[in-house]
């Protein structure tokens, strides 16, 4: 795949990420109003299930697609996720490697947590990491804009 194809993929993934973030923000607002509790009624639990799913999906699109393509375009090959996070911080793609690693750890916990008594703790962690995820995404979009990697309206992708 050449740079033009990678730029096209990056722009498609950015559009998917933007849609995902919009949905995540709605779920976050709804769950913030509900608050952290030990027990939830069915509707509240559905709202948190949706927030959990959207948090994981948004972080996946961001960390597994967007950052991967950025590193391909920069011709960088970090081996592990920790290497990727540290390099992204060093290049000022993200504000904090530590925050990105926490987001990824939480995403993994969401994907593998089946114990109901752990859910309030996970929800609290999502509230704590929500702003970090949004600020990382915003900083990455600024990085992309500075490099002129975004699509010009009606002109295709800048090489």
N, C-alpha and C. Protein backbone atom coordinates (compact mmCIF):
# COMPACT_ATOMS: atom_id res chain seq x y z
N UNK A 1 0.85 -1.17 0.00
CA UNK A 1 0.00 0.00 0.00
C UNK A 1 0.89 1.24 0.00
N UNK A 2 0.60 2.20 -0.85
CA UNK A 2 1.40 3.42 -0.90
C UNK A 2 0.85 4.49 0.04
N UNK A 3 1.58 5.61 0.14
CA UNK A 3 1.18 6.68 1.05
C UNK A 3 -0.22 7.19 0.74
N UNK A 4 -0.54 7.32 -0.54
CA UNK A 4 -1.87 7.83 -0.91
C UNK A 4 -2.97 6.91 -0.37
N UNK A 5 -2.75 5.61 -0.47
CA UNK A 5 -3.74 4.65 0.07
C UNK A 5 -3.81 4.72 1.59
N UNK A 6 -2.65 4.88 2.22
CA UNK A 6 -2.64 5.00 3.69
C UNK A 6 -3.34 6.29 4.13
N UNK A 7 -3.13 7.37 3.38
CA UNK A 7 -3.82 8.62 3.71
C UNK A 7 -5.32 8.48 3.55
N UNK A 8 -5.72 7.78 2.51
CA UNK A 8 -7.15 7.54 2.30
C UNK A 8 -7.73 6.72 3.44
N UNK A 9 -7.00 5.67 3.85
CA UNK A 9 -7.44 4.85 4.98
C UNK A 9 -7.50 5.68 6.26
N UNK A 10 -6.49 6.51 6.48
CA UNK A 10 -6.46 7.36 7.67
C UNK A 10 -7.70 8.27 7.71
N UNK A 11 -8.01 8.87 6.59
CA UNK A 11 -9.17 9.76 6.55
C UNK A 11 -10.48 9.02 6.75
N UNK A 12 -10.60 7.81 6.21
CA UNK A 12 -11.80 7.01 6.44
C UNK A 12 -11.91 6.66 7.93
N UNK A 13 -10.78 6.25 8.51
CA UNK A 13 -10.78 5.89 9.93
C UNK A 13 -11.06 7.10 10.82
N UNK A 14 -10.57 8.27 10.43
CA UNK A 14 -10.88 9.50 11.19
C UNK A 14 -12.38 9.78 11.15
N UNK A 15 -12.99 9.59 10.00
CA UNK A 15 -14.45 9.78 9.90
C UNK A 15 -15.18 8.79 10.80
N UNK A 16 -14.74 7.52 10.79
CA UNK A 16 -15.35 6.51 11.66
C UNK A 16 -15.15 6.88 13.13
N UNK A 17 -13.95 7.37 13.46
CA UNK A 17 -13.65 7.77 14.83
C UNK A 17 -14.52 8.94 15.26
N UNK A 18 -14.70 9.91 14.38
CA UNK A 18 -15.53 11.07 14.70
C UNK A 18 -16.97 10.64 15.00
N UNK A 19 -17.50 9.74 14.20
CA UNK A 19 -18.85 9.21 14.44
C UNK A 19 -18.90 8.47 15.77
N UNK A 20 -17.89 7.67 16.04
CA UNK A 20 -17.83 6.92 17.28
C UNK A 20 -17.75 7.84 18.50
N UNK A 21 -16.95 8.90 18.40
CA UNK A 21 -16.80 9.85 19.51
C UNK A 21 -18.13 10.57 19.76
N UNK A 22 -18.83 10.94 18.72
CA UNK A 22 -20.13 11.61 18.90
C UNK A 22 -21.09 10.73 19.68
N UNK A 23 -21.13 9.45 19.34
CA UNK A 23 -21.99 8.50 20.04
C UNK A 23 -21.51 8.28 21.47
N UNK A 24 -20.20 8.19 21.65
CA UNK A 24 -19.63 8.02 22.99
C UNK A 24 -20.00 9.20 23.89
N UNK A 25 -19.92 10.40 23.36
CA UNK A 25 -20.23 11.60 24.16
C UNK A 25 -21.68 11.58 24.65
N UNK A 26 -22.60 11.12 23.81
CA UNK A 26 -24.01 11.03 24.20
C UNK A 26 -24.17 10.02 25.33
N UNK A 27 -23.54 8.86 25.18
CA UNK A 27 -23.61 7.83 26.22
C UNK A 27 -22.97 8.31 27.52
N UNK A 28 -21.84 8.98 27.40
CA UNK A 28 -21.17 9.51 28.59
C UNK A 28 -22.10 10.46 29.36
N UNK A 29 -22.73 11.38 28.65
CA UNK A 29 -23.64 12.35 29.30
C UNK A 29 -24.77 11.63 30.01
N UNK A 30 -25.33 10.64 29.36
CA UNK A 30 -26.44 9.89 29.94
C UNK A 30 -25.99 9.15 31.21
N UNK A 31 -24.83 8.51 31.14
CA UNK A 31 -24.34 7.75 32.29
C UNK A 31 -23.86 8.66 33.41
N UNK A 32 -23.33 9.81 33.06
CA UNK A 32 -22.90 10.78 34.08
C UNK A 32 -24.10 11.21 34.93
N UNK A 33 -25.26 11.40 34.27
CA UNK A 33 -26.48 11.76 35.01
C UNK A 33 -26.93 10.63 35.95
N UNK A 34 -26.73 9.38 35.52
CA UNK A 34 -27.12 8.23 36.34
C UNK A 34 -26.18 8.10 37.54
N UNK A 35 -24.88 8.25 37.27
CA UNK A 35 -23.88 8.17 38.34
C UNK A 35 -23.45 6.75 38.66
N UNK A 36 -22.42 6.66 39.47
CA UNK A 36 -21.88 5.36 39.89
C UNK A 36 -22.67 4.88 41.11
N UNK A 37 -23.15 3.65 41.02
CA UNK A 37 -23.91 3.03 42.11
C UNK A 37 -23.47 1.58 42.24
N UNK A 38 -23.95 0.93 43.25
CA UNK A 38 -23.68 -0.51 43.39
C UNK A 38 -24.68 -1.33 42.59
N UNK A 39 -25.89 -0.81 42.42
CA UNK A 39 -26.91 -1.54 41.67
C UNK A 39 -27.60 -0.59 40.72
N UNK A 40 -27.99 -1.13 39.56
CA UNK A 40 -28.64 -0.35 38.51
C UNK A 40 -29.92 -1.05 38.10
N UNK A 41 -30.95 -0.23 37.75
CA UNK A 41 -32.13 -0.85 37.17
C UNK A 41 -31.80 -1.23 35.73
N UNK A 42 -32.73 -1.89 35.07
CA UNK A 42 -32.46 -2.42 33.73
C UNK A 42 -32.09 -1.31 32.74
N UNK A 43 -32.82 -0.22 32.73
CA UNK A 43 -32.54 0.87 31.78
C UNK A 43 -31.17 1.51 32.06
N UNK A 44 -30.85 1.68 33.33
CA UNK A 44 -29.54 2.24 33.68
C UNK A 44 -28.42 1.29 33.24
N UNK A 45 -28.63 0.00 33.48
CA UNK A 45 -27.62 -0.99 33.09
C UNK A 45 -27.43 -0.99 31.58
N UNK A 46 -28.51 -0.87 30.83
CA UNK A 46 -28.39 -0.80 29.37
C UNK A 46 -27.60 0.43 28.93
N UNK A 47 -27.82 1.55 29.61
CA UNK A 47 -27.08 2.77 29.29
C UNK A 47 -25.59 2.57 29.53
N UNK A 48 -25.24 1.94 30.66
CA UNK A 48 -23.83 1.70 30.95
C UNK A 48 -23.23 0.63 30.03
N UNK A 49 -24.03 -0.36 29.66
CA UNK A 49 -23.54 -1.35 28.69
C UNK A 49 -23.20 -0.66 27.36
N UNK A 50 -24.05 0.25 26.95
CA UNK A 50 -23.81 1.00 25.72
C UNK A 50 -22.56 1.87 25.84
N UNK A 51 -22.41 2.56 26.96
CA UNK A 51 -21.24 3.40 27.19
C UNK A 51 -19.96 2.56 27.18
N UNK A 52 -20.01 1.40 27.84
CA UNK A 52 -18.86 0.51 27.89
C UNK A 52 -18.46 0.06 26.49
N UNK A 53 -19.43 -0.36 25.72
CA UNK A 53 -19.18 -0.81 24.36
C UNK A 53 -18.62 0.32 23.49
N UNK A 54 -19.18 1.49 23.61
CA UNK A 54 -18.73 2.64 22.81
C UNK A 54 -17.34 3.11 23.23
N UNK A 55 -17.05 3.05 24.51
CA UNK A 55 -15.71 3.40 24.99
C UNK A 55 -14.68 2.45 24.38
N UNK A 56 -14.96 1.15 24.46
CA UNK A 56 -14.03 0.15 23.92
C UNK A 56 -13.87 0.31 22.41
N UNK A 57 -14.97 0.50 21.69
CA UNK A 57 -14.91 0.64 20.24
C UNK A 57 -14.14 1.89 19.83
N UNK A 58 -14.41 3.00 20.51
CA UNK A 58 -13.72 4.26 20.19
C UNK A 58 -12.23 4.12 20.46
N UNK A 59 -11.87 3.53 21.59
CA UNK A 59 -10.44 3.37 21.89
C UNK A 59 -9.77 2.42 20.90
N UNK A 60 -10.49 1.41 20.42
CA UNK A 60 -9.93 0.50 19.41
C UNK A 60 -9.69 1.20 18.09
N UNK A 61 -10.68 1.93 17.61
CA UNK A 61 -10.50 2.65 16.34
C UNK A 61 -9.30 3.58 16.46
N UNK A 62 -9.23 4.27 17.59
CA UNK A 62 -8.16 5.23 17.80
C UNK A 62 -6.79 4.56 17.91
N UNK A 63 -6.66 3.63 18.83
CA UNK A 63 -5.33 3.07 19.12
C UNK A 63 -4.89 2.01 18.11
N UNK A 64 -5.82 1.27 17.55
CA UNK A 64 -5.45 0.18 16.66
C UNK A 64 -5.48 0.56 15.18
N UNK A 65 -6.26 1.54 14.82
CA UNK A 65 -6.32 1.94 13.41
C UNK A 65 -5.59 3.26 13.16
N UNK A 66 -6.01 4.31 13.84
CA UNK A 66 -5.46 5.65 13.59
C UNK A 66 -3.96 5.69 13.90
N UNK A 67 -3.58 5.29 15.10
CA UNK A 67 -2.17 5.36 15.47
C UNK A 67 -1.32 4.43 14.60
N UNK A 68 -1.84 3.27 14.27
CA UNK A 68 -1.10 2.34 13.41
C UNK A 68 -0.81 2.99 12.06
N UNK A 69 -1.81 3.62 11.46
CA UNK A 69 -1.61 4.25 10.15
C UNK A 69 -0.67 5.44 10.24
N UNK A 70 -0.77 6.20 11.32
CA UNK A 70 0.16 7.33 11.51
C UNK A 70 1.60 6.82 11.53
N UNK A 71 1.86 5.74 12.26
CA UNK A 71 3.22 5.21 12.32
C UNK A 71 3.68 4.67 10.97
N UNK A 72 2.78 4.09 10.21
CA UNK A 72 3.14 3.64 8.86
C UNK A 72 3.54 4.83 8.01
N UNK A 73 2.75 5.91 8.07
CA UNK A 73 3.07 7.10 7.29
C UNK A 73 4.37 7.76 7.73
N UNK A 74 4.67 7.67 9.02
CA UNK A 74 5.92 8.23 9.54
C UNK A 74 7.10 7.26 9.36
N UNK A 75 6.81 6.07 8.87
CA UNK A 75 7.81 5.02 8.69
C UNK A 75 8.49 4.64 10.01
N UNK A 76 7.66 4.56 11.04
CA UNK A 76 8.09 4.13 12.37
C UNK A 76 7.49 2.75 12.63
N UNK A 77 8.21 1.92 13.35
CA UNK A 77 7.72 0.56 13.62
C UNK A 77 7.87 0.20 15.10
N UNK A 78 7.09 0.84 15.97
CA UNK A 78 7.16 0.44 17.38
C UNK A 78 6.66 -1.01 17.53
N UNK A 79 7.34 -1.77 18.36
CA UNK A 79 7.05 -3.21 18.49
C UNK A 79 5.85 -3.50 19.39
N UNK A 80 5.81 -2.87 20.55
CA UNK A 80 4.74 -3.17 21.52
C UNK A 80 3.82 -1.96 21.66
N UNK A 81 2.71 -2.17 22.35
CA UNK A 81 1.80 -1.05 22.58
C UNK A 81 2.46 0.01 23.45
N UNK A 82 3.26 -0.40 24.40
CA UNK A 82 3.96 0.57 25.25
C UNK A 82 4.95 1.38 24.41
N UNK A 83 5.65 0.72 23.49
CA UNK A 83 6.55 1.45 22.58
C UNK A 83 5.76 2.45 21.73
N UNK A 84 4.60 2.00 21.25
CA UNK A 84 3.74 2.86 20.43
C UNK A 84 3.31 4.09 21.22
N UNK A 85 2.88 3.88 22.46
CA UNK A 85 2.43 4.98 23.31
C UNK A 85 3.57 5.96 23.60
N UNK A 86 4.73 5.42 23.94
CA UNK A 86 5.88 6.29 24.24
C UNK A 86 6.32 7.09 23.02
N UNK A 87 6.35 6.46 21.87
CA UNK A 87 6.73 7.16 20.64
C UNK A 87 5.69 8.23 20.29
N UNK A 88 4.43 7.89 20.44
CA UNK A 88 3.36 8.87 20.15
C UNK A 88 3.48 10.10 21.04
N UNK A 89 3.82 9.89 22.31
CA UNK A 89 4.02 11.03 23.21
C UNK A 89 5.24 11.84 22.78
N UNK A 90 6.33 11.15 22.47
CA UNK A 90 7.56 11.82 22.07
C UNK A 90 7.34 12.67 20.81
N UNK A 91 6.56 12.17 19.86
CA UNK A 91 6.28 12.88 18.61
C UNK A 91 5.16 13.91 18.75
N UNK A 92 4.59 13.99 19.97
CA UNK A 92 3.48 14.91 20.28
C UNK A 92 2.22 14.59 19.50
N UNK A 93 2.00 13.29 19.28
CA UNK A 93 0.76 12.82 18.68
C UNK A 93 -0.32 12.72 19.75
N UNK A 94 0.12 12.43 20.98
CA UNK A 94 -0.78 12.31 22.14
C UNK A 94 -0.20 13.12 23.29
N UNK A 95 -1.04 13.51 24.26
CA UNK A 95 -0.52 14.26 25.40
C UNK A 95 0.24 13.40 26.41
N UNK A 96 -0.12 12.10 26.53
CA UNK A 96 0.48 11.29 27.59
C UNK A 96 0.47 9.81 27.24
N UNK A 97 1.65 9.20 27.24
CA UNK A 97 1.76 7.76 27.02
C UNK A 97 1.07 7.00 28.15
N UNK A 98 1.27 7.47 29.36
CA UNK A 98 0.67 6.81 30.53
C UNK A 98 -0.85 6.75 30.41
N UNK A 99 -1.46 7.86 29.98
CA UNK A 99 -2.91 7.87 29.82
C UNK A 99 -3.37 6.91 28.72
N UNK A 100 -2.63 6.87 27.61
CA UNK A 100 -3.01 5.96 26.53
C UNK A 100 -2.89 4.50 26.98
N UNK A 101 -1.88 4.19 27.74
CA UNK A 101 -1.72 2.83 28.26
C UNK A 101 -2.86 2.49 29.21
N UNK A 102 -3.26 3.44 30.06
CA UNK A 102 -4.39 3.22 30.97
C UNK A 102 -5.68 2.98 30.20
N UNK A 103 -5.88 3.74 29.12
CA UNK A 103 -7.07 3.57 28.29
C UNK A 103 -7.08 2.18 27.67
N UNK A 104 -5.93 1.75 27.16
CA UNK A 104 -5.83 0.43 26.54
C UNK A 104 -6.05 -0.68 27.57
N UNK A 105 -5.47 -0.53 28.76
CA UNK A 105 -5.68 -1.52 29.81
C UNK A 105 -7.16 -1.62 30.18
N UNK A 106 -7.83 -0.47 30.28
CA UNK A 106 -9.24 -0.45 30.61
C UNK A 106 -10.05 -1.10 29.49
N UNK A 107 -9.71 -0.81 28.25
CA UNK A 107 -10.39 -1.43 27.11
C UNK A 107 -10.27 -2.96 27.18
N UNK A 108 -9.08 -3.44 27.51
CA UNK A 108 -8.88 -4.89 27.63
C UNK A 108 -9.69 -5.47 28.79
N UNK A 109 -9.76 -4.73 29.87
CA UNK A 109 -10.55 -5.19 31.01
C UNK A 109 -12.04 -5.23 30.65
N UNK A 110 -12.50 -4.22 29.93
CA UNK A 110 -13.91 -4.20 29.48
C UNK A 110 -14.20 -5.44 28.64
N UNK A 111 -13.29 -5.77 27.75
CA UNK A 111 -13.50 -6.89 26.85
C UNK A 111 -13.51 -8.24 27.57
N UNK A 112 -12.88 -8.31 28.74
CA UNK A 112 -12.73 -9.60 29.40
C UNK A 112 -13.37 -9.69 30.78
N UNK A 113 -14.05 -8.65 31.22
CA UNK A 113 -14.63 -8.64 32.57
C UNK A 113 -16.04 -9.23 32.55
N UNK A 114 -16.23 -10.26 33.35
CA UNK A 114 -17.54 -10.91 33.41
C UNK A 114 -18.13 -10.90 34.81
N UNK A 115 -17.42 -10.35 35.77
CA UNK A 115 -17.91 -10.36 37.15
C UNK A 115 -18.73 -9.10 37.40
N UNK A 116 -20.01 -9.28 37.68
CA UNK A 116 -20.92 -8.15 37.85
C UNK A 116 -20.50 -7.21 38.97
N UNK A 117 -19.90 -7.75 40.03
CA UNK A 117 -19.52 -6.88 41.14
C UNK A 117 -18.37 -5.94 40.76
N UNK A 118 -17.67 -6.23 39.67
CA UNK A 118 -16.57 -5.37 39.21
C UNK A 118 -17.06 -4.21 38.34
N UNK A 119 -18.29 -4.28 37.86
CA UNK A 119 -18.77 -3.26 36.93
C UNK A 119 -18.77 -1.84 37.48
N UNK A 120 -19.22 -1.58 38.71
CA UNK A 120 -19.14 -0.19 39.20
C UNK A 120 -17.72 0.38 39.19
N UNK A 121 -16.73 -0.46 39.52
CA UNK A 121 -15.34 -0.01 39.47
C UNK A 121 -14.91 0.31 38.04
N UNK A 122 -15.31 -0.54 37.11
CA UNK A 122 -14.98 -0.30 35.69
C UNK A 122 -15.66 0.97 35.19
N UNK A 123 -16.90 1.18 35.57
CA UNK A 123 -17.61 2.40 35.15
C UNK A 123 -16.89 3.64 35.68
N UNK A 124 -16.46 3.57 36.94
CA UNK A 124 -15.72 4.69 37.52
C UNK A 124 -14.43 4.94 36.74
N UNK A 125 -13.73 3.87 36.39
CA UNK A 125 -12.50 3.99 35.59
C UNK A 125 -12.79 4.62 34.22
N UNK A 126 -13.92 4.25 33.64
CA UNK A 126 -14.28 4.83 32.34
C UNK A 126 -14.52 6.33 32.49
N UNK A 127 -15.20 6.73 33.55
CA UNK A 127 -15.41 8.16 33.79
C UNK A 127 -14.07 8.87 33.92
N UNK A 128 -13.14 8.25 34.65
CA UNK A 128 -11.83 8.87 34.86
C UNK A 128 -11.01 8.94 33.57
N UNK A 129 -11.17 7.97 32.69
CA UNK A 129 -10.39 7.91 31.45
C UNK A 129 -11.06 8.56 30.25
N UNK A 130 -12.32 8.91 30.37
CA UNK A 130 -13.06 9.50 29.25
C UNK A 130 -12.37 10.77 28.74
N UNK A 131 -12.08 11.71 29.62
CA UNK A 131 -11.44 12.97 29.20
C UNK A 131 -10.07 12.71 28.59
N UNK A 132 -9.33 11.74 29.12
CA UNK A 132 -8.02 11.41 28.55
C UNK A 132 -8.16 10.87 27.13
N UNK A 133 -9.16 10.04 26.90
CA UNK A 133 -9.39 9.52 25.56
C UNK A 133 -9.74 10.65 24.59
N UNK A 134 -10.66 11.51 24.99
CA UNK A 134 -11.08 12.62 24.12
C UNK A 134 -9.91 13.57 23.86
N UNK A 135 -9.13 13.90 24.88
CA UNK A 135 -8.01 14.83 24.67
C UNK A 135 -6.92 14.19 23.80
N UNK A 136 -6.71 12.89 23.92
CA UNK A 136 -5.74 12.20 23.06
C UNK A 136 -6.20 12.24 21.60
N UNK A 137 -7.47 11.98 21.39
CA UNK A 137 -8.02 12.02 20.03
C UNK A 137 -7.90 13.42 19.46
N UNK A 138 -8.25 14.43 20.24
CA UNK A 138 -8.16 15.81 19.77
C UNK A 138 -6.72 16.18 19.40
N UNK A 139 -5.76 15.79 20.24
CA UNK A 139 -4.35 16.10 19.97
C UNK A 139 -3.88 15.39 18.70
N UNK A 140 -4.32 14.17 18.50
CA UNK A 140 -3.95 13.42 17.30
C UNK A 140 -4.54 14.07 16.05
N UNK A 141 -5.77 14.53 16.15
CA UNK A 141 -6.37 15.22 15.00
C UNK A 141 -5.61 16.50 14.68
N UNK A 142 -5.12 17.21 15.70
CA UNK A 142 -4.29 18.40 15.48
C UNK A 142 -2.99 18.01 14.78
N UNK A 143 -2.37 16.91 15.21
CA UNK A 143 -1.14 16.42 14.61
C UNK A 143 -1.37 16.12 13.12
N UNK A 144 -2.46 15.46 12.82
CA UNK A 144 -2.80 15.11 11.44
C UNK A 144 -3.01 16.37 10.61
N UNK A 145 -3.71 17.33 11.18
CA UNK A 145 -3.98 18.60 10.46
C UNK A 145 -2.67 19.35 10.17
N UNK A 146 -1.76 19.37 11.13
CA UNK A 146 -0.47 20.06 10.94
C UNK A 146 0.35 19.43 9.82
N UNK A 147 0.17 18.14 9.63
CA UNK A 147 0.93 17.44 8.58
C UNK A 147 0.18 17.45 7.25
N UNK A 148 -0.97 18.11 7.21
CA UNK A 148 -1.79 18.17 6.00
C UNK A 148 -2.17 16.78 5.51
N UNK A 149 -2.51 15.90 6.44
CA UNK A 149 -2.93 14.54 6.09
C UNK A 149 -4.43 14.41 5.99
N UNK A 150 -5.15 15.50 6.17
CA UNK A 150 -6.60 15.39 6.12
C UNK A 150 -7.07 15.65 4.69
N UNK A 151 -8.21 15.09 4.39
CA UNK A 151 -8.79 15.25 3.07
C UNK A 151 -9.27 16.67 2.85
N UNK A 152 -8.95 17.21 1.71
CA UNK A 152 -9.53 18.49 1.33
C UNK A 152 -10.91 18.23 0.78
N UNK A 153 -11.85 19.05 1.14
CA UNK A 153 -13.22 18.85 0.67
C UNK A 153 -13.28 18.94 -0.85
N UNK A 154 -13.75 17.86 -1.46
CA UNK A 154 -13.94 17.84 -2.90
C UNK A 154 -12.67 17.65 -3.72
N UNK A 155 -11.51 17.49 -3.08
CA UNK A 155 -10.26 17.37 -3.83
C UNK A 155 -9.55 16.06 -3.59
N UNK A 156 -10.12 15.16 -2.81
CA UNK A 156 -9.42 13.90 -2.53
C UNK A 156 -8.42 14.09 -1.42
N UNK A 157 -7.46 13.22 -1.36
CA UNK A 157 -6.48 13.21 -0.27
C UNK A 157 -5.21 13.91 -0.71
N UNK A 158 -4.65 14.73 0.19
CA UNK A 158 -3.36 15.36 -0.08
C UNK A 158 -2.26 14.32 -0.01
N UNK A 159 -1.38 14.25 -0.99
CA UNK A 159 -0.26 13.30 -0.90
C UNK A 159 0.82 13.79 0.02
